[in-house]
Amino acid sequence: NFECGNPENLKSKCIWVSEAQDHVLNVTGTSTRKFKAALDWILNSNKDLGIRLKGRDMSEPVSSVEEVFCLESAHPQMGLGCRFRRAVVTAIMNLFLFFWSLITLWGILIYLRYRWRKMEEEEQAMYEMVKKIIAVVQDHYKEWERNLERYPYVGIFHVRDSLIPPQSRKKMKRVWERAVDFLASNESRIQTESHRVAGEDMLVWRWTQPSYLSDSEH
């Protein structure tokens, strides 16, 4: 009844030992001594006899007959309708878990594909930014050689401000930082220096390759 709808509103599927003893005595006429001997046999048997002995704390195992508080069936007998309903519920739950797992995996796959695409786009944007920075620093150096600029170097933030409009700087912050790191690690023609300009120390870029070499390459 407990497993099949619980029409009697039972609080547990464990039957009190006194109730079980009374039932056995009424049906078979077995004495109390034999009933306790049967409990002791169940308790000490290593076989699965279909009956579990429980104490007052259901989670703790019992070690003696005196600690037995109730008996629980390990293999309860159920009607055909009950077994069918339980099988249907189990099947529905398994299908639900299967589809939920499938949807979760599909969502993870979509997210990973989105992240990969964003990373590729960011990588491409970083390389484009590197090309623009190189062009700006090189052009500034050429203008300095023609006495059109006061210094042979140009401030890093000045280059950023000339390439990225104010409304896009927050969005392009990561792309810009990656481009700066890439130049520091992989571009030998641009040297990062610290200069005092207008009373402030600032990081600048200097083009280190003479113009005649650059022109001959083109």
C-alpha atoms as a PDB file:
ATOM      1  CA  ASN A   1       0.000   0.000   0.000  1.00  0.00           C
ATOM      2  CA  PHE A   2       2.812   2.407   0.833  1.00  0.00           C
ATOM      3  CA  GLU A   3       4.426   1.834  -2.580  1.00  0.00           C
ATOM      4  CA  CYS A   4       1.136   1.863  -4.517  1.00  0.00           C
ATOM      5  CA  GLY A   5      -0.585   5.142  -3.793  1.00  0.00           C
ATOM      6  CA  ASN A   6      -0.659   4.856   0.010  1.00  0.00           C
ATOM      7  CA  PRO A   7      -4.460   4.952   0.403  1.00  0.00           C
ATOM      8  CA  GLU A   8      -4.153   4.467   4.165  1.00  0.00           C
ATOM      9  CA  ASN A   9      -1.797   7.441   4.533  1.00  0.00           C
ATOM     10  CA  LEU A  10       0.951   5.327   6.043  1.00  0.00           C
ATOM     11  CA  LYS A  11       3.928   7.306   7.320  1.00  0.00           C
ATOM     12  CA  SER A  12       6.377   4.516   6.545  1.00  0.00           C
ATOM     13  CA  LYS A  13       6.526   1.148   4.830  1.00  0.00           C
ATOM     14  CA  CYS A  14       8.149  -0.253   7.989  1.00  0.00           C
ATOM     15  CA  ILE A  15       5.727  -2.352  10.134  1.00  0.00           C
ATOM     16  CA  TRP A  16       6.108  -2.181  13.911  1.00  0.00           C
ATOM     17  CA  VAL A  17       7.598  -5.337  15.360  1.00  0.00           C
ATOM     18  CA  SER A  18       4.710  -5.730  17.829  1.00  0.00           C
ATOM     19  CA  GLU A  19       2.188  -5.518  14.976  1.00  0.00           C
ATOM     20  CA  ALA A  20       4.139  -8.079  12.953  1.00  0.00           C
ATOM     21  CA  GLN A  21       4.373 -10.383  15.957  1.00  0.00           C
ATOM     22  CA  ASP A  22       0.635 -10.174  16.633  1.00  0.00           C
ATOM     23  CA  HIS A  23      -0.118 -10.912  12.990  1.00  0.00           C
ATOM     24  CA  VAL A  24       2.162 -13.954  12.931  1.00  0.00           C
ATOM     25  CA  LEU A  25       0.683 -15.246  16.213  1.00  0.00           C
ATOM     26  CA  ASN A  26      -2.878 -14.864  14.917  1.00  0.00           C
ATOM     27  CA  VAL A  27      -2.148 -16.557  11.581  1.00  0.00           C
ATOM     28  CA  THR A  28       0.190 -19.378  12.645  1.00  0.00           C
ATOM     29  CA  GLY A  29      -0.125 -19.588  16.400  1.00  0.00           C
ATOM     30  CA  THR A  30       3.671 -19.328  16.704  1.00  0.00           C
ATOM     31  CA  SER A  31       4.931 -18.469  20.168  1.00  0.00           C
ATOM     32  CA  THR A  32       6.701 -15.239  21.012  1.00  0.00           C
ATOM     33  CA  ARG A  33       9.908 -17.183  21.641  1.00  0.00           C
ATOM     34  CA  LYS A  34       9.882 -18.644  18.126  1.00  0.00           C
ATOM     35  CA  PHE A  35       9.110 -15.233  16.645  1.00  0.00           C
ATOM     36  CA  LYS A  36      12.143 -13.714  18.370  1.00  0.00           C
ATOM     37  CA  ALA A  37      14.231 -16.692  17.279  1.00  0.00           C
ATOM     38  CA  ALA A  38      13.124 -16.016  13.708  1.00  0.00           C
ATOM     39  CA  LEU A  39      14.175 -12.381  14.062  1.00  0.00           C
ATOM     40  CA  ASP A  40      17.533 -13.500  15.393  1.00  0.00           C
ATOM     41  CA  TRP A  41      17.932 -15.868  12.429  1.00  0.00           C
ATOM     42  CA  ILE A  42      17.108 -13.050   9.970  1.00  0.00           C
ATOM     43  CA  LEU A  43      19.513 -10.749  11.784  1.00  0.00           C
ATOM     44  CA  ASN A  44      22.431 -13.179  11.621  1.00  0.00           C
ATOM     45  CA  SER A  45      21.766 -14.570   8.158  1.00  0.00           C
ATOM     46  CA  ASN A  46      23.951 -13.469   5.250  1.00  0.00           C
ATOM     47  CA  LYS A  47      21.195 -14.271   2.748  1.00  0.00           C
ATOM     48  CA  ASP A  48      18.699 -11.843   1.275  1.00  0.00           C
ATOM     49  CA  LEU A  49      15.539 -13.095   2.998  1.00  0.00           C
ATOM     50  CA  GLY A  50      13.323 -10.226   1.781  1.00  0.00           C
ATOM     51  CA  ILE A  51      12.921  -8.711   5.259  1.00  0.00           C
ATOM     52  CA  ARG A  52      14.952  -5.834   6.680  1.00  0.00           C
ATOM     53  CA  LEU A  53      15.130  -5.254  10.424  1.00  0.00           C
ATOM     54  CA  LYS A  54      15.137  -1.589  11.427  1.00  0.00           C
ATOM     55  CA  GLY A  55      15.807   0.192  14.697  1.00  0.00           C
ATOM     56  CA  ARG A  56      14.342   3.470  15.931  1.00  0.00           C
ATOM     57  CA  ASP A  57      16.966   5.253  13.817  1.00  0.00           C
ATOM     58  CA  MET A  58      16.175   3.870  10.368  1.00  0.00           C
ATOM     59  CA  SER A  59      19.604   4.813   9.031  1.00  0.00           C
ATOM     60  CA  GLU A  60      21.526   2.849  11.669  1.00  0.00           C
ATOM     61  CA  PRO A  61      21.899  -0.975  11.443  1.00  0.00           C
ATOM     62  CA  VAL A  62      20.638  -3.090  14.363  1.00  0.00           C
ATOM     63  CA  SER A  63      22.891  -5.584  16.126  1.00  0.00           C
ATOM     64  CA  SER A  64      20.433  -7.414  18.404  1.00  0.00           C
ATOM     65  CA  VAL A  65      16.793  -8.489  18.441  1.00  0.00           C
ATOM     66  CA  GLU A  66      16.069  -6.088  21.325  1.00  0.00           C
ATOM     67  CA  GLU A  67      16.994  -3.138  19.054  1.00  0.00           C
ATOM     68  CA  VAL A  68      14.497  -4.155  16.350  1.00  0.00           C
ATOM     69  CA  PHE A  69      11.749  -1.544  16.158  1.00  0.00           C
ATOM     70  CA  CYS A  70      10.061  -2.445  12.878  1.00  0.00           C
ATOM     71  CA  LEU A  71      10.239  -4.748   9.862  1.00  0.00           C
ATOM     72  CA  GLU A  72      10.462  -3.671   6.254  1.00  0.00           C
ATOM     73  CA  SER A  73       9.930  -5.717   3.108  1.00  0.00           C
ATOM     74  CA  ALA A  74      12.863  -5.711   0.713  1.00  0.00           C
ATOM     75  CA  HIS A  75      10.675  -7.092  -2.106  1.00  0.00           C
ATOM     76  CA  PRO A  76       7.112  -5.834  -1.538  1.00  0.00           C
ATOM     77  CA  GLN A  77       4.332  -7.665  -3.354  1.00  0.00           C
ATOM     78  CA  MET A  78       2.496  -5.359  -5.759  1.00  0.00           C
ATOM     79  CA  GLY A  79      -0.522  -5.770  -7.948  1.00  0.00           C
ATOM     80  CA  LEU A  80      -0.328  -5.677 -11.729  1.00  0.00           C
ATOM     81  CA  GLY A  81      -1.839  -2.192 -11.919  1.00  0.00           C
ATOM     82  CA  CYS A  82       0.631  -0.840  -9.366  1.00  0.00           C
ATOM     83  CA  ARG A  83       3.589  -2.368 -11.162  1.00  0.00           C
ATOM     84  CA  PHE A  84       2.365  -0.968 -14.480  1.00  0.00           C
ATOM     85  CA  ARG A  85       1.942   2.536 -13.046  1.00  0.00           C
ATOM     86  CA  ARG A  86       5.381   2.418 -11.440  1.00  0.00           C
ATOM     87  CA  ALA A  87       6.921   1.177 -14.684  1.00  0.00           C
ATOM     88  CA  VAL A  88       5.254   4.014 -16.628  1.00  0.00           C
ATOM     89  CA  VAL A  89       6.394   6.619 -14.098  1.00  0.00           C
ATOM     90  CA  THR A  90       9.930   5.210 -14.172  1.00  0.00           C
ATOM     91  CA  ALA A  91       9.953   5.231 -17.978  1.00  0.00           C
ATOM     92  CA  ILE A  92       8.684   8.833 -18.086  1.00  0.00           C
ATOM     93  CA  MET A  93      11.286   9.926 -15.556  1.00  0.00           C
ATOM     94  CA  ASN A  94      14.059   8.205 -17.511  1.00  0.00           C
ATOM     95  CA  LEU A  95      12.862   9.837 -20.738  1.00  0.00           C
ATOM     96  CA  PHE A  96      12.711  13.214 -18.996  1.00  0.00           C
ATOM     97  CA  LEU A  97      16.259  12.792 -17.676  1.00  0.00           C
ATOM     98  CA  PHE A  98      17.441  11.644 -21.102  1.00  0.00           C
ATOM     99  CA  PHE A  99      15.951  14.614 -22.937  1.00  0.00           C
ATOM    100  CA  TRP A 100      17.060  17.020 -20.202  1.00  0.00           C
ATOM    101  CA  SER A 101      20.627  15.691 -20.509  1.00  0.00           C
ATOM    102  CA  LEU A 102      20.383  15.921 -24.311  1.00  0.00           C
ATOM    103  CA  ILE A 103      19.161  19.527 -24.142  1.00  0.00           C
ATOM    104  CA  THR A 104      21.897  20.400 -21.638  1.00  0.00           C
ATOM    105  CA  LEU A 105      24.606  18.886 -23.842  1.00  0.00           C
ATOM    106  CA  TRP A 106      23.176  20.628 -26.892  1.00  0.00           C
ATOM    107  CA  GLY A 107      23.177  23.936 -25.013  1.00  0.00           C
ATOM    108  CA  ILE A 108      26.797  23.418 -23.958  1.00  0.00           C
ATOM    109  CA  LEU A 109      27.740  22.622 -27.563  1.00  0.00           C
ATOM    110  CA  ILE A 110      26.012  25.761 -28.852  1.00  0.00           C
ATOM    111  CA  TYR A 111      27.750  27.854 -26.195  1.00  0.00           C
ATOM    112  CA  LEU A 112      31.158  26.366 -27.029  1.00  0.00           C
ATOM    113  CA  ARG A 113      30.630  26.989 -30.728  1.00  0.00           C
ATOM    114  CA  TYR A 114      29.630  30.585 -29.918  1.00  0.00           C
ATOM    115  CA  ARG A 115      32.739  31.027 -27.760  1.00  0.00           C
ATOM    116  CA  TRP A 116      35.001  29.576 -30.471  1.00  0.00           C
ATOM    117  CA  ARG A 117      33.496  31.900 -33.064  1.00  0.00           C
ATOM    118  CA  LYS A 118      33.902  34.905 -30.756  1.00  0.00           C
ATOM    119  CA  MET A 119      37.518  33.927 -30.052  1.00  0.00           C
ATOM    120  CA  GLU A 120      38.227  33.626 -33.773  1.00  0.00           C
ATOM    121  CA  GLU A 121      36.611  37.009 -34.413  1.00  0.00           C
ATOM    122  CA  GLU A 122      38.599  38.539 -31.564  1.00  0.00           C
ATOM    123  CA  GLU A 123      41.807  36.977 -32.880  1.00  0.00           C
ATOM    124  CA  GLN A 124      41.170  38.413 -36.338  1.00  0.00           C
ATOM    125  CA  ALA A 125      40.312  41.815 -34.872  1.00  0.00           C
ATOM    126  CA  MET A 126      43.552  41.724 -32.867  1.00  0.00           C
ATOM    127  CA  TYR A 127      45.642  41.086 -36.001  1.00  0.00           C
ATOM    128  CA  GLU A 128      43.853  43.903 -37.824  1.00  0.00           C
ATOM    129  CA  MET A 129      44.585  46.213 -34.898  1.00  0.00           C
ATOM    130  CA  VAL A 130      48.264  45.177 -34.947  1.00  0.00           C
ATOM    131  CA  LYS A 131      48.471  46.101 -38.649  1.00  0.00           C
ATOM    132  CA  LYS A 132      46.908  49.508 -37.976  1.00  0.00           C
ATOM    133  CA  ILE A 133      49.259  50.201 -35.058  1.00  0.00           C
ATOM    134  CA  ILE A 134      52.320  49.279 -37.128  1.00  0.00           C
ATOM    135  CA  ALA A 135      51.145  51.574 -39.922  1.00  0.00           C
ATOM    136  CA  VAL A 136      50.577  54.509 -37.532  1.00  0.00           C
ATOM    137  CA  VAL A 137      53.950  54.127 -35.763  1.00  0.00           C
ATOM    138  CA  GLN A 138      55.803  53.712 -39.058  1.00  0.00           C
ATOM    139  CA  ASP A 139      54.110  56.733 -40.633  1.00  0.00           C
ATOM    140  CA  HIS A 140      54.877  58.823 -37.550  1.00  0.00           C
ATOM    141  CA  TYR A 141      58.556  57.883 -37.794  1.00  0.00           C
ATOM    142  CA  LYS A 142      58.663  58.791 -41.498  1.00  0.00           C
ATOM    143  CA  GLU A 143      57.113  62.160 -40.733  1.00  0.00           C
ATOM    144  CA  TRP A 144      59.704  62.706 -38.017  1.00  0.00           C
ATOM    145  CA  GLU A 145      62.457  61.973 -40.525  1.00  0.00           C
ATOM    146  CA  ARG A 146      60.954  64.676 -42.750  1.00  0.00           C
ATOM    147  CA  ASN A 147      60.899  67.029 -39.740  1.00  0.00           C
ATOM    148  CA  LEU A 148      57.102  67.001 -39.669  1.00  0.00           C
ATOM    149  CA  GLU A 149      56.980  65.559 -36.135  1.00  0.00           C
ATOM    150  CA  ARG A 150      58.805  66.784 -33.042  1.00  0.00           C
ATOM    151  CA  TYR A 151      59.637  63.365 -31.600  1.00  0.00           C
ATOM    152  CA  PRO A 152      60.546  60.044 -33.259  1.00  0.00           C
ATOM    153  CA  TYR A 153      58.187  58.225 -30.937  1.00  0.00           C
ATOM    154  CA  VAL A 154      54.451  58.345 -30.402  1.00  0.00           C
ATOM    155  CA  GLY A 155      52.440  57.749 -27.209  1.00  0.00           C
ATOM    156  CA  ILE A 156      50.675  54.412 -26.952  1.00  0.00           C
ATOM    157  CA  PHE A 157      47.441  56.014 -25.751  1.00  0.00           C
ATOM    158  CA  HIS A 158      47.685  58.592 -28.532  1.00  0.00           C
ATOM    159  CA  VAL A 159      47.747  55.744 -31.059  1.00  0.00           C
ATOM    160  CA  ARG A 160      44.794  54.100 -29.338  1.00  0.00           C
ATOM    161  CA  ASP A 161      42.787  57.324 -29.372  1.00  0.00           C
ATOM    162  CA  SER A 162      43.509  57.843 -33.063  1.00  0.00           C
ATOM    163  CA  LEU A 163      42.448  54.307 -34.025  1.00  0.00           C
ATOM    164  CA  ILE A 164      39.470  53.663 -31.735  1.00  0.00           C
ATOM    165  CA  PRO A 165      36.618  56.175 -31.372  1.00  0.00           C
ATOM    166  CA  PRO A 166      35.543  56.960 -27.775  1.00  0.00           C
ATOM    167  CA  GLN A 167      32.252  55.072 -28.035  1.00  0.00           C
ATOM    168  CA  SER A 168      34.075  51.855 -29.049  1.00  0.00           C
ATOM    169  CA  ARG A 169      36.935  51.875 -26.536  1.00  0.00           C
ATOM    170  CA  LYS A 170      35.149  49.864 -23.870  1.00  0.00           C
ATOM    171  CA  LYS A 171      34.075  47.249 -26.411  1.00  0.00           C
ATOM    172  CA  MET A 172      37.531  47.117 -28.021  1.00  0.00           C
ATOM    173  CA  LYS A 173      39.463  47.160 -24.741  1.00  0.00           C
ATOM    174  CA  ARG A 174      40.377  43.465 -24.814  1.00  0.00           C
ATOM    175  CA  VAL A 175      41.306  43.564 -28.517  1.00  0.00           C
ATOM    176  CA  TRP A 176      43.541  46.583 -27.903  1.00  0.00           C
ATOM    177  CA  GLU A 177      45.263  44.986 -24.885  1.00  0.00           C
ATOM    178  CA  ARG A 178      45.927  41.783 -26.826  1.00  0.00           C
ATOM    179  CA  ALA A 179      47.340  43.787 -29.728  1.00  0.00           C
ATOM    180  CA  VAL A 180      49.683  45.678 -27.371  1.00  0.00           C
ATOM    181  CA  ASP A 181      50.877  42.411 -25.817  1.00  0.00           C
ATOM    182  CA  PHE A 182      51.356  40.854 -29.265  1.00  0.00           C
ATOM    183  CA  LEU A 183      53.528  43.782 -30.413  1.00  0.00           C
ATOM    184  CA  ALA A 184      55.631  43.612 -27.253  1.00  0.00           C
ATOM    185  CA  SER A 185      56.300  39.907 -27.772  1.00  0.00           C
ATOM    186  CA  ASN A 186      56.414  39.487 -31.560  1.00  0.00           C
ATOM    187  CA  GLU A 187      57.245  42.770 -33.302  1.00  0.00           C
ATOM    188  CA  SER A 188      60.961  43.687 -33.317  1.00  0.00           C
ATOM    189  CA  ARG A 189      60.490  46.819 -35.454  1.00  0.00           C
ATOM    190  CA  ILE A 190      58.533  48.573 -32.697  1.00  0.00           C
ATOM    191  CA  GLN A 191      60.203  49.322 -29.379  1.00  0.00           C
ATOM    192  CA  THR A 192      58.278  50.219 -26.236  1.00  0.00           C
ATOM    193  CA  GLU A 193      59.916  52.993 -24.202  1.00  0.00           C
ATOM    194  CA  SER A 194      59.076  55.287 -21.315  1.00  0.00           C
ATOM    195  CA  HIS A 195      59.507  59.035 -21.922  1.00  0.00           C
ATOM    196  CA  ARG A 196      58.639  62.162 -20.014  1.00  0.00           C
ATOM    197  CA  VAL A 197      56.291  64.220 -22.123  1.00  0.00           C
ATOM    198  CA  ALA A 198      54.745  67.482 -20.863  1.00  0.00           C
ATOM    199  CA  GLY A 199      55.917  66.671 -17.347  1.00  0.00           C
ATOM    200  CA  GLU A 200      54.383  63.199 -17.310  1.00  0.00           C
ATOM    201  CA  ASP A 201      55.932  59.778 -17.761  1.00  0.00           C
ATOM    202  CA  MET A 202      54.216  57.853 -20.494  1.00  0.00           C
ATOM    203  CA  LEU A 203      54.777  54.715 -22.535  1.00  0.00           C
ATOM    204  CA  VAL A 204      55.568  55.319 -26.172  1.00  0.00           C
ATOM    205  CA  TRP A 205      56.307  53.334 -29.310  1.00  0.00           C
ATOM    206  CA  ARG A 206      59.329  53.987 -31.482  1.00  0.00           C
ATOM    207  CA  TRP A 207      59.873  52.631 -34.980  1.00  0.00           C
ATOM    208  CA  THR A 208      63.362  51.124 -35.014  1.00  0.00           C
ATOM    209  CA  GLN A 209      63.766  50.204 -38.678  1.00  0.00           C
ATOM    210  CA  PRO A 210      65.258  52.913 -40.928  1.00  0.00           C
ATOM    211  CA  SER A 211      62.960  54.173 -43.653  1.00  0.00           C
ATOM    212  CA  TYR A 212      65.241  53.127 -46.530  1.00  0.00           C
ATOM    213  CA  LEU A 213      64.961  49.482 -45.404  1.00  0.00           C
ATOM    214  CA  SER A 214      61.231  49.761 -45.086  1.00  0.00           C
ATOM    215  CA  ASP A 215      60.903  51.367 -48.520  1.00  0.00           C
ATOM    216  CA  SER A 216      63.139  48.753 -50.149  1.00  0.00           C
ATOM    217  CA  GLU A 217      60.905  46.034 -48.762  1.00  0.00           C
ATOM    218  CA  HIS A 218      57.923  47.592 -50.496  1.00  0.00           C
END
